[in-house]
Protein backbone atom coordinates (compact mmCIF):
# COMPACT_ATOMS: atom_id res chain seq x y z
CA MET A 1 137.71 173.36 -98.88
CA PRO A 2 135.89 172.08 -95.60
CA ARG A 3 134.80 174.40 -92.80
CA PRO A 4 137.09 174.39 -89.85
CA LEU A 5 135.97 172.21 -86.83
CA LYS A 6 134.53 174.22 -84.03
CA TRP A 7 135.63 173.34 -80.58
CA ARG A 8 132.71 172.09 -78.50
CA GLN A 9 132.12 173.02 -74.74
CA VAL A 10 132.20 170.13 -72.48
CA CYS A 11 131.48 170.39 -68.71
CA ALA A 12 133.67 167.43 -67.54
CA LEU A 13 135.19 164.24 -68.76
CA PRO A 14 133.45 161.00 -67.85
CA ASN A 15 134.49 159.26 -64.56
CA ASN A 16 134.70 156.07 -66.42
CA ASN A 17 135.62 155.65 -70.03
CA LYS A 18 135.08 151.99 -70.69
CA PHE A 19 131.93 150.02 -70.71
CA GLY A 20 130.90 146.66 -71.78
CA PRO A 21 130.78 142.85 -70.94
CA LEU A 22 132.76 142.06 -67.78
CA ASP A 23 133.84 138.45 -68.34
CA VAL A 24 135.20 138.72 -71.92
CA THR A 25 138.47 139.97 -73.34
CA PHE A 26 138.40 142.01 -76.50
CA ASP A 27 140.94 143.06 -79.16
CA ALA A 28 141.42 146.82 -79.54
CA ASP A 29 139.71 146.75 -83.08
CA GLN A 30 136.47 145.39 -81.40
CA TYR A 31 136.00 148.44 -79.11
CA ILE A 32 133.28 150.93 -80.38
CA LYS A 33 134.88 154.49 -79.88
CA MET A 34 132.68 157.38 -78.73
CA SER A 35 133.98 160.85 -78.63
CA VAL A 36 133.92 162.98 -75.49
CA ASP A 37 131.43 165.48 -77.32
CA GLU A 38 129.15 162.52 -78.21
CA TYR A 39 129.17 161.53 -74.51
CA GLU A 40 128.34 165.10 -73.63
CA THR A 41 125.33 165.24 -75.79
CA ILE A 42 123.98 161.98 -74.38
CA ARG A 43 124.58 163.35 -70.90
CA LEU A 44 122.83 166.71 -71.58
CA ILE A 45 119.87 165.36 -73.57
CA ASP A 46 119.04 162.09 -72.01
CA LEU A 47 120.36 162.52 -68.45
CA GLU A 48 119.81 166.21 -67.78
CA GLY A 49 116.62 166.46 -69.92
CA LEU A 50 117.66 169.47 -72.11
CA ASP A 51 116.35 169.58 -75.60
CA GLN A 52 118.66 169.81 -78.66
CA GLU A 53 118.53 173.76 -78.68
CA GLN A 54 119.48 174.03 -75.05
CA CYS A 55 122.28 171.40 -75.52
CA ALA A 56 123.61 173.31 -78.55
CA GLN A 57 123.67 176.55 -76.51
CA GLN A 58 125.61 174.87 -73.65
CA MET A 59 128.04 173.23 -76.05
CA LYS A 60 128.33 176.46 -78.09
CA VAL A 61 127.47 174.82 -81.42
CA ALA A 62 124.61 174.75 -83.93
CA ARG A 63 121.41 172.76 -83.16
CA THR A 64 121.91 170.72 -86.36
CA THR A 65 125.59 169.83 -85.19
CA VAL A 66 124.09 168.57 -82.03
CA GLN A 67 121.49 166.61 -83.87
CA GLY A 68 124.14 164.87 -85.89
CA ILE A 69 126.39 164.18 -82.90
CA TYR A 70 123.43 162.76 -80.87
CA ALA A 71 122.34 160.49 -83.66
CA ASP A 72 125.87 159.00 -83.95
CA ALA A 73 126.16 158.61 -80.17
CA ARG A 74 122.92 156.70 -80.00
CA LYS A 75 123.73 154.50 -82.78
CA LYS A 76 127.08 153.57 -81.09
CA ILE A 77 125.38 152.81 -77.80
CA ALA A 78 122.82 150.66 -79.51
CA SER A 79 125.55 148.80 -81.27
CA SER A 80 127.37 148.25 -78.14
CA LEU A 81 124.33 146.96 -76.23
CA VAL A 82 122.98 144.74 -79.02
CA ASN A 83 126.28 143.33 -80.28
CA GLY A 84 127.97 143.08 -76.92
CA ASN A 85 130.98 145.17 -77.98
CA PRO A 86 132.80 147.25 -75.33
CA LEU A 87 132.43 151.08 -75.59
CA ILE A 88 135.24 153.27 -74.92
CA ILE A 89 134.98 157.16 -74.64
CA GLU A 90 137.98 159.24 -75.94
CA GLY A 91 138.99 161.97 -78.29
CA GLY A 92 136.88 164.41 -80.15
CA THR A 93 136.98 168.22 -80.59
CA TYR A 94 136.06 169.70 -77.25
């Protein structure tokens, strides 16, 4: 039986939740979906300059959890930039 998901602390939802090419229309299945907690780890680590331990304390989860969330978020951002797919931020356990 898997462990229950722990709710993650998030300061605020993003002002904009869709990013990507401006002149192209995409089907819903072409969007890369990033969760709000993935967005929060990117904001705390890359924008605010916190390390993973400080980010984990702020989000009230383990550092290893932050490490996994952060790796997934960076992969999604890289895929969006390299492949030109739009990125949408929604959902997650927060």
